[in-house]
Amino acid sequence: MQTIGLLIYNALYIYSFFIIGYILMSWFPNARESSVGQFIGRIVEPYLEPFRKFVPPLGMIDLSPIVAIIVLRLASTGVRSLFGI
């Protein structure tokens, strides 16, 4: 069971880096239109979509990815305590 927990924990950890990469790509012109940007967008956007419904943007700043990363970190902490990692 610890192996499954460790696998889930690592997957959540890596996914949070995909979100951070997606955020950083918004700073560079045409980065999201590249093949890598489109791939990361297809992975990250379905997860970010519910957060965008509840977290309003502050002007031009979208805070939903920050909330999404916090939720991922809380989930990974729950996985660690549940599986005893």
PDB file of N, CA and C in Angstrom:
ATOM      1  N   MET A   1       0.816  -1.201   0.000  1.00  0.00           N
ATOM      2  CA  MET A   1       0.000   0.000   0.000  1.00  0.00           C
ATOM      3  C   MET A   1       0.860   1.265   0.000  1.00  0.00           C
ATOM      4  N   GLN A   2       2.019   1.181   0.632  1.00  0.00           N
ATOM      5  CA  GLN A   2       2.877   2.349   0.645  1.00  0.00           C
ATOM      6  C   GLN A   2       3.364   2.702  -0.746  1.00  0.00           C
ATOM      7  N   THR A   3       3.552   1.703  -1.580  1.00  0.00           N
ATOM      8  CA  THR A   3       4.010   1.951  -2.944  1.00  0.00           C
ATOM      9  C   THR A   3       2.950   2.709  -3.736  1.00  0.00           C
ATOM     10  N   ILE A   4       1.700   2.342  -3.551  1.00  0.00           N
ATOM     11  CA  ILE A   4       0.610   3.045  -4.228  1.00  0.00           C
ATOM     12  C   ILE A   4       0.522   4.481  -3.728  1.00  0.00           C
ATOM     13  N   GLY A   5       0.633   4.655  -2.418  1.00  0.00           N
ATOM     14  CA  GLY A   5       0.604   5.994  -1.848  1.00  0.00           C
ATOM     15  C   GLY A   5       1.753   6.854  -2.348  1.00  0.00           C
ATOM     16  N   LEU A   6       2.920   6.256  -2.442  1.00  0.00           N
ATOM     17  CA  LEU A   6       4.083   6.992  -2.935  1.00  0.00           C
ATOM     18  C   LEU A   6       3.911   7.368  -4.399  1.00  0.00           C
ATOM     19  N   LEU A   7       3.318   6.471  -5.178  1.00  0.00           N
ATOM     20  CA  LEU A   7       3.054   6.747  -6.584  1.00  0.00           C
ATOM     21  C   LEU A   7       2.057   7.905  -6.746  1.00  0.00           C
ATOM     22  N   ILE A   8       1.001   7.892  -5.953  1.00  0.00           N
ATOM     23  CA  ILE A   8       0.012   8.972  -6.009  1.00  0.00           C
ATOM     24  C   ILE A   8       0.627  10.287  -5.552  1.00  0.00           C
ATOM     25  N   TYR A   9       1.400  10.236  -4.483  1.00  0.00           N
ATOM     26  CA  TYR A   9       2.056  11.441  -3.964  1.00  0.00           C
ATOM     27  C   TYR A   9       2.980  12.053  -5.011  1.00  0.00           C
ATOM     28  N   ASN A  10       3.787  11.216  -5.670  1.00  0.00           N
ATOM     29  CA  ASN A  10       4.700  11.718  -6.693  1.00  0.00           C
ATOM     30  C   ASN A  10       3.951  12.259  -7.905  1.00  0.00           C
ATOM     31  N   ALA A  11       2.850  11.629  -8.271  1.00  0.00           N
ATOM     32  CA  ALA A  11       2.049  12.120  -9.390  1.00  0.00           C
ATOM     33  C   ALA A  11       1.476  13.504  -9.083  1.00  0.00           C
ATOM     34  N   LEU A  12       0.990  13.701  -7.859  1.00  0.00           N
ATOM     35  CA  LEU A  12       0.467  15.015  -7.467  1.00  0.00           C
ATOM     36  C   LEU A  12       1.578  16.064  -7.450  1.00  0.00           C
ATOM     37  N   TYR A  13       2.750  15.667  -7.001  1.00  0.00           N
ATOM     38  CA  TYR A  13       3.897  16.564  -6.943  1.00  0.00           C
ATOM     39  C   TYR A  13       4.314  16.995  -8.352  1.00  0.00           C
ATOM     40  N   ILE A  14       4.390  16.065  -9.273  1.00  0.00           N
ATOM     41  CA  ILE A  14       4.757  16.373 -10.656  1.00  0.00           C
ATOM     42  C   ILE A  14       3.685  17.226 -11.326  1.00  0.00           C
ATOM     43  N   TYR A  15       2.423  16.921 -11.046  1.00  0.00           N
ATOM     44  CA  TYR A  15       1.321  17.688 -11.632  1.00  0.00           C
ATOM     45  C   TYR A  15       1.371  19.149 -11.192  1.00  0.00           C
ATOM     46  N   SER A  16       1.782  19.394  -9.953  1.00  0.00           N
ATOM     47  CA  SER A  16       1.893  20.779  -9.493  1.00  0.00           C
ATOM     48  C   SER A  16       2.969  21.521 -10.282  1.00  0.00           C
ATOM     49  N   PHE A  17       4.015  20.826 -10.702  1.00  0.00           N
ATOM     50  CA  PHE A  17       5.032  21.461 -11.538  1.00  0.00           C
ATOM     51  C   PHE A  17       4.508  21.754 -12.938  1.00  0.00           C
ATOM     52  N   PHE A  18       3.618  20.905 -13.446  1.00  0.00           N
ATOM     53  CA  PHE A  18       2.974  21.203 -14.727  1.00  0.00           C
ATOM     54  C   PHE A  18       2.157  22.494 -14.626  1.00  0.00           C
ATOM     55  N   ILE A  19       1.464  22.679 -13.515  1.00  0.00           N
ATOM     56  CA  ILE A  19       0.679  23.903 -13.319  1.00  0.00           C
ATOM     57  C   ILE A  19       1.603  25.112 -13.247  1.00  0.00           C
ATOM     58  N   ILE A  20       2.705  24.996 -12.519  1.00  0.00           N
ATOM     59  CA  ILE A  20       3.657  26.104 -12.426  1.00  0.00           C
ATOM     60  C   ILE A  20       4.234  26.424 -13.796  1.00  0.00           C
ATOM     61  N   GLY A  21       4.562  25.407 -14.564  1.00  0.00           N
ATOM     62  CA  GLY A  21       5.061  25.629 -15.925  1.00  0.00           C
ATOM     63  C   GLY A  21       4.031  26.307 -16.803  1.00  0.00           C
ATOM     64  N   TYR A  22       2.776  25.930 -16.642  1.00  0.00           N
ATOM     65  CA  TYR A  22       1.698  26.547 -17.413  1.00  0.00           C
ATOM     66  C   TYR A  22       1.543  28.024 -17.042  1.00  0.00           C
ATOM     67  N   ILE A  23       1.700  28.329 -15.772  1.00  0.00           N
ATOM     68  CA  ILE A  23       1.643  29.723 -15.326  1.00  0.00           C
ATOM     69  C   ILE A  23       2.796  30.514 -15.938  1.00  0.00           C
ATOM     70  N   LEU A  24       3.991  29.968 -15.882  1.00  0.00           N
ATOM     71  CA  LEU A  24       5.165  30.668 -16.418  1.00  0.00           C
ATOM     72  C   LEU A  24       5.075  30.867 -17.929  1.00  0.00           C
ATOM     73  N   MET A  25       4.427  29.953 -18.627  1.00  0.00           N
ATOM     74  CA  MET A  25       4.283  30.106 -20.074  1.00  0.00           C
ATOM     75  C   MET A  25       3.418  31.297 -20.444  1.00  0.00           C
ATOM     76  N   SER A  26       2.570  31.740 -19.541  1.00  0.00           N
ATOM     77  CA  SER A  26       1.732  32.898 -19.849  1.00  0.00           C
ATOM     78  C   SER A  26       2.555  34.185 -19.913  1.00  0.00           C
ATOM     79  N   TRP A  27       3.756  34.166 -19.381  1.00  0.00           N
ATOM     80  CA  TRP A  27       4.616  35.353 -19.405  1.00  0.00           C
ATOM     81  C   TRP A  27       5.356  35.519 -20.720  1.00  0.00           C
ATOM     82  N   PHE A  28       5.447  34.443 -21.503  1.00  0.00           N
ATOM     83  CA  PHE A  28       6.192  34.489 -22.758  1.00  0.00           C
ATOM     84  C   PHE A  28       5.234  34.446 -23.941  1.00  0.00           C
ATOM     85  N   PRO A  29       5.425  35.324 -24.911  1.00  0.00           N
ATOM     86  CA  PRO A  29       4.519  35.350 -26.057  1.00  0.00           C
ATOM     87  C   PRO A  29       4.588  34.045 -26.853  1.00  0.00           C
ATOM     88  N   ASN A  30       3.443  33.561 -27.237  1.00  0.00           N
ATOM     89  CA  ASN A  30       3.269  32.368 -28.069  1.00  0.00           C
ATOM     90  C   ASN A  30       3.791  31.082 -27.438  1.00  0.00           C
ATOM     91  N   ALA A  31       4.071  31.064 -26.161  1.00  0.00           N
ATOM     92  CA  ALA A  31       4.564  29.838 -25.525  1.00  0.00           C
ATOM     93  C   ALA A  31       3.444  28.804 -25.404  1.00  0.00           C
ATOM     94  N   ARG A  32       2.234  29.262 -25.135  1.00  0.00           N
ATOM     95  CA  ARG A  32       1.115  28.331 -25.012  1.00  0.00           C
ATOM     96  C   ARG A  32       0.645  27.795 -26.358  1.00  0.00           C
ATOM     97  N   GLU A  33       1.032  28.449 -27.437  1.00  0.00           N
ATOM     98  CA  GLU A  33       0.646  27.977 -28.763  1.00  0.00           C
ATOM     99  C   GLU A  33       1.616  26.936 -29.311  1.00  0.00           C
ATOM    100  N   SER A  34       2.746  26.741 -28.644  1.00  0.00           N
ATOM    101  CA  SER A  34       3.706  25.725 -29.088  1.00  0.00           C
ATOM    102  C   SER A  34       3.142  24.332 -28.793  1.00  0.00           C
ATOM    103  N   SER A  35       3.778  23.326 -29.336  1.00  0.00           N
ATOM    104  CA  SER A  35       3.286  21.961 -29.125  1.00  0.00           C
ATOM    105  C   SER A  35       3.386  21.550 -27.652  1.00  0.00           C
ATOM    106  N   VAL A  36       4.454  21.973 -26.989  1.00  0.00           N
ATOM    107  CA  VAL A  36       4.602  21.673 -25.559  1.00  0.00           C
ATOM    108  C   VAL A  36       3.550  22.430 -24.757  1.00  0.00           C
ATOM    109  N   GLY A  37       3.322  23.685 -25.113  1.00  0.00           N
ATOM    110  CA  GLY A  37       2.321  24.488 -24.427  1.00  0.00           C
ATOM    111  C   GLY A  37       0.918  23.931 -24.589  1.00  0.00           C
ATOM    112  N   GLN A  38       0.605  23.449 -25.772  1.00  0.00           N
ATOM    113  CA  GLN A  38      -0.706  22.854 -26.002  1.00  0.00           C
ATOM    114  C   GLN A  38      -0.855  21.548 -25.225  1.00  0.00           C
ATOM    115  N   PHE A  39       0.213  20.764 -25.156  1.00  0.00           N
ATOM    116  CA  PHE A  39       0.175  19.521 -24.387  1.00  0.00           C
ATOM    117  C   PHE A  39      -0.069  19.801 -22.908  1.00  0.00           C
ATOM    118  N   ILE A  40       0.685  20.741 -22.349  1.00  0.00           N
ATOM    119  CA  ILE A  40       0.513  21.081 -20.934  1.00  0.00           C
ATOM    120  C   ILE A  40      -0.867  21.687 -20.703  1.00  0.00           C
ATOM    121  N   GLY A  41      -1.354  22.489 -21.648  1.00  0.00           N
ATOM    122  CA  GLY A  41      -2.688  23.063 -21.527  1.00  0.00           C
ATOM    123  C   GLY A  41      -3.773  22.001 -21.490  1.00  0.00           C
ATOM    124  N   ARG A  42      -3.633  20.962 -22.314  1.00  0.00           N
ATOM    125  CA  ARG A  42      -4.623  19.880 -22.306  1.00  0.00           C
ATOM    126  C   ARG A  42      -4.602  19.110 -20.992  1.00  0.00           C
ATOM    127  N   ILE A  43      -3.462  19.073 -20.344  1.00  0.00           N
ATOM    128  CA  ILE A  43      -3.356  18.369 -19.069  1.00  0.00           C
ATOM    129  C   ILE A  43      -3.866  19.230 -17.912  1.00  0.00           C
ATOM    130  N   VAL A  44      -3.552  20.515 -17.931  1.00  0.00           N
ATOM    131  CA  VAL A  44      -3.793  21.388 -16.780  1.00  0.00           C
ATOM    132  C   VAL A  44      -5.175  22.057 -16.812  1.00  0.00           C
ATOM    133  N   GLU A  45      -5.630  22.449 -17.973  1.00  0.00           N
ATOM    134  CA  GLU A  45      -6.884  23.216 -18.068  1.00  0.00           C
ATOM    135  C   GLU A  45      -8.102  22.516 -17.457  1.00  0.00           C
ATOM    136  N   PRO A  46      -8.305  21.208 -17.650  1.00  0.00           N
ATOM    137  CA  PRO A  46      -9.484  20.586 -17.016  1.00  0.00           C
ATOM    138  C   PRO A  46      -9.471  20.680 -15.495  1.00  0.00           C
ATOM    139  N   TYR A  47      -8.285  20.676 -14.895  1.00  0.00           N
ATOM    140  CA  TYR A  47      -8.188  20.814 -13.443  1.00  0.00           C
ATOM    141  C   TYR A  47      -8.407  22.254 -12.998  1.00  0.00           C
ATOM    142  N   LEU A  48      -7.919  23.212 -13.778  1.00  0.00           N
ATOM    143  CA  LEU A  48      -8.042  24.620 -13.388  1.00  0.00           C
ATOM    144  C   LEU A  48      -9.447  25.180 -13.621  1.00  0.00           C
ATOM    145  N   GLU A  49     -10.184  24.595 -14.531  1.00  0.00           N
ATOM    146  CA  GLU A  49     -11.505  25.133 -14.901  1.00  0.00           C
ATOM    147  C   GLU A  49     -12.458  25.306 -13.713  1.00  0.00           C
ATOM    148  N   PRO A  50     -12.616  24.319 -12.827  1.00  0.00           N
ATOM    149  CA  PRO A  50     -13.526  24.535 -11.677  1.00  0.00           C
ATOM    150  C   PRO A  50     -13.067  25.647 -10.744  1.00  0.00           C
ATOM    151  N   PHE A  51     -11.758  25.818 -10.608  1.00  0.00           N
ATOM    152  CA  PHE A  51     -11.254  26.870  -9.725  1.00  0.00           C
ATOM    153  C   PHE A  51     -11.525  28.256 -10.310  1.00  0.00           C
ATOM    154  N   ARG A  52     -11.535  28.376 -11.613  1.00  0.00           N
ATOM    155  CA  ARG A  52     -11.808  29.665 -12.253  1.00  0.00           C
ATOM    156  C   ARG A  52     -13.260  30.096 -12.057  1.00  0.00           C
ATOM    157  N   LYS A  53     -14.135  29.142 -11.803  1.00  0.00           N
ATOM    158  CA  LYS A  53     -15.543  29.475 -11.548  1.00  0.00           C
ATOM    159  C   LYS A  53     -15.727  30.093 -10.162  1.00  0.00           C
ATOM    160  N   PHE A  54     -14.860  29.704  -9.203  1.00  0.00           N
ATOM    161  CA  PHE A  54     -15.032  30.153  -7.827  1.00  0.00           C
ATOM    162  C   PHE A  54     -14.083  31.269  -7.414  1.00  0.00           C
ATOM    163  N   VAL A  55     -12.933  31.349  -8.055  1.00  0.00           N
ATOM    164  CA  VAL A  55     -11.930  32.356  -7.685  1.00  0.00           C
ATOM    165  C   VAL A  55     -11.941  33.452  -8.751  1.00  0.00           C
ATOM    166  N   PRO A  56     -12.447  34.633  -8.388  1.00  0.00           N
ATOM    167  CA  PRO A  56     -12.481  35.707  -9.392  1.00  0.00           C
ATOM    168  C   PRO A  56     -11.088  36.282  -9.634  1.00  0.00           C
ATOM    169  N   PRO A  57     -10.796  36.688 -10.856  1.00  0.00           N
ATOM    170  CA  PRO A  57      -9.480  37.289 -11.124  1.00  0.00           C
ATOM    171  C   PRO A  57      -9.391  38.689 -10.520  1.00  0.00           C
ATOM    172  N   LEU A  58      -8.187  39.064 -10.142  1.00  0.00           N
ATOM    173  CA  LEU A  58      -7.934  40.415  -9.640  1.00  0.00           C
ATOM    174  C   LEU A  58      -7.346  41.232 -10.783  1.00  0.00           C
ATOM    175  N   GLY A  59      -8.204  41.908 -11.510  1.00  0.00           N
ATOM    176  CA  GLY A  59      -7.749  42.653 -12.678  1.00  0.00           C
ATOM    177  C   GLY A  59      -7.283  41.693 -13.747  1.00  0.00           C
ATOM    178  N   MET A  60      -5.994  41.772 -14.095  1.00  0.00           N
ATOM    179  CA  MET A  60      -5.423  40.889 -15.105  1.00  0.00           C
ATOM    180  C   MET A  60      -4.756  39.653 -14.491  1.00  0.00           C
ATOM    181  N   ILE A  61      -4.822  39.512 -13.177  1.00  0.00           N
ATOM    182  CA  ILE A  61      -4.137  38.417 -12.490  1.00  0.00           C
ATOM    183  C   ILE A  61      -5.138  37.318 -12.149  1.00  0.00           C
ATOM    184  N   ASP A  62      -4.845  36.109 -12.603  1.00  0.00           N
ATOM    185  CA  ASP A  62      -5.677  34.940 -12.331  1.00  0.00           C
ATOM    186  C   ASP A  62      -5.093  34.196 -11.135  1.00  0.00           C
ATOM    187  N   LEU A  63      -5.827  34.160 -10.045  1.00  0.00           N
ATOM    188  CA  LEU A  63      -5.348  33.515  -8.829  1.00  0.00           C
ATOM    189  C   LEU A  63      -5.762  32.049  -8.728  1.00  0.00           C
ATOM    190  N   SER A  64      -6.550  31.569  -9.666  1.00  0.00           N
ATOM    191  CA  SER A  64      -7.043  30.191  -9.577  1.00  0.00           C
ATOM    192  C   SER A  64      -5.923  29.149  -9.621  1.00  0.00           C
ATOM    193  N   PRO A  65      -4.837  29.337 -10.386  1.00  0.00           N
ATOM    194  CA  PRO A  65      -3.774  28.321 -10.314  1.00  0.00           C
ATOM    195  C   PRO A  65      -3.119  28.229  -8.941  1.00  0.00           C
ATOM    196  N   ILE A  66      -3.041  29.343  -8.234  1.00  0.00           N
ATOM    197  CA  ILE A  66      -2.454  29.324  -6.891  1.00  0.00           C
ATOM    198  C   ILE A  66      -3.334  28.510  -5.950  1.00  0.00           C
ATOM    199  N   VAL A  67      -4.643  28.725  -6.032  1.00  0.00           N
ATOM    200  CA  VAL A  67      -5.576  27.965  -5.209  1.00  0.00           C
ATOM    201  C   VAL A  67      -5.526  26.489  -5.597  1.00  0.00           C
ATOM    202  N   ALA A  68      -5.403  26.209  -6.889  1.00  0.00           N
ATOM    203  CA  ALA A  68      -5.335  24.825  -7.357  1.00  0.00           C
ATOM    204  C   ALA A  68      -4.085  24.130  -6.827  1.00  0.00           C
ATOM    205  N   ILE A  69      -2.962  24.832  -6.788  1.00  0.00           N
ATOM    206  CA  ILE A  69      -1.733  24.247  -6.256  1.00  0.00           C
ATOM    207  C   ILE A  69      -1.864  24.007  -4.756  1.00  0.00           C
ATOM    208  N   ILE A  70      -2.497  24.916  -4.040  1.00  0.00           N
ATOM    209  CA  ILE A  70      -2.708  24.727  -2.604  1.00  0.00           C
ATOM    210  C   ILE A  70      -3.566  23.489  -2.351  1.00  0.00           C
ATOM    211  N   VAL A  71      -4.605  23.300  -3.163  1.00  0.00           N
ATOM    212  CA  VAL A  71      -5.455  22.113  -3.018  1.00  0.00           C
ATOM    213  C   VAL A  71      -4.657  20.847  -3.320  1.00  0.00           C
ATOM    214  N   LEU A  72      -3.795  20.891  -4.335  1.00  0.00           N
ATOM    215  CA  LEU A  72      -2.950  19.737  -4.634  1.00  0.00           C
ATOM    216  C   LEU A  72      -2.012  19.416  -3.472  1.00  0.00           C
ATOM    217  N   ARG A  73      -1.430  20.430  -2.892  1.00  0.00           N
ATOM    218  CA  ARG A  73      -0.524  20.208  -1.759  1.00  0.00           C
ATOM    219  C   ARG A  73      -1.283  19.626  -0.562  1.00  0.00           C
ATOM    220  N   LEU A  74      -2.512  20.111  -0.321  1.00  0.00           N
ATOM    221  CA  LEU A  74      -3.318  19.544   0.760  1.00  0.00           C
ATOM    222  C   LEU A  74      -3.657  18.083   0.473  1.00  0.00           C
ATOM    223  N   ALA A  75      -3.969  17.783  -0.788  1.00  0.00           N
ATOM    224  CA  ALA A  75      -4.268  16.400  -1.165  1.00  0.00           C
ATOM    225  C   ALA A  75      -3.043  15.512  -0.991  1.00  0.00           C
ATOM    226  N   SER A  76      -1.880  16.007  -1.360  1.00  0.00           N
ATOM    227  CA  SER A  76      -0.668  15.199  -1.200  1.00  0.00           C
ATOM    228  C   SER A  76      -0.334  14.977   0.272  1.00  0.00           C
ATOM    229  N   THR A  77      -0.629  15.962   1.111  1.00  0.00           N
ATOM    230  CA  THR A  77      -0.438  15.790   2.555  1.00  0.00           C
ATOM    231  C   THR A  77      -1.404  14.735   3.079  1.00  0.00           C
ATOM    232  N   GLY A  78      -2.625  14.762   2.573  1.00  0.00           N
ATOM    233  CA  GLY A  78      -3.601  13.733   2.960  1.00  0.00           C
ATOM    234  C   GLY A  78      -3.174  12.352   2.512  1.00  0.00           C
ATOM    235  N   VAL A  79      -2.609  12.240   1.323  1.00  0.00           N
ATOM    236  CA  VAL A  79      -2.117  10.951   0.822  1.00  0.00           C
ATOM    237  C   VAL A  79      -0.975  10.455   1.703  1.00  0.00           C
ATOM    238  N   ARG A  80      -0.097  11.360   2.074  1.00  0.00           N
ATOM    239  CA  ARG A  80       1.043  10.971   2.927  1.00  0.00           C
ATOM    240  C   ARG A  80       0.560  10.439   4.269  1.00  0.00           C
ATOM    241  N   SER A  81      -0.408  11.115   4.869  1.00  0.00           N
ATOM    242  CA  SER A  81      -0.876  10.664   6.176  1.00  0.00           C
ATOM    243  C   SER A  81      -1.735   9.400   6.054  1.00  0.00           C
ATOM    244  N   LEU A  82      -2.469   9.260   4.963  1.00  0.00           N
ATOM    245  CA  LEU A  82      -3.331   8.097   4.781  1.00  0.00           C
ATOM    246  C   LEU A  82      -2.518   6.821   4.555  1.00  0.00           C
ATOM    247  N   PHE A  83      -1.464   6.928   3.746  1.00  0.00           N
ATOM    248  CA  PHE A  83      -0.655   5.765   3.421  1.00  0.00           C
ATOM    249  C   PHE A  83       0.586   5.617   4.307  1.00  0.00           C
ATOM    250  N   GLY A  84       0.814   6.566   5.198  1.00  0.00           N
ATOM    251  CA  GLY A  84       1.949   6.469   6.110  1.00  0.00           C
ATOM    252  C   GLY A  84       3.297   6.579   5.438  1.00  0.00           C
ATOM    253  N   ILE A  85       3.395   7.533   4.522  1.00  0.00           N
ATOM    254  CA  ILE A  85       4.654   7.714   3.792  1.00  0.00           C
ATOM    255  C   ILE A  85       5.568   8.615   4.602  1.00  0.00           C
TER     256      ILE A  85
END
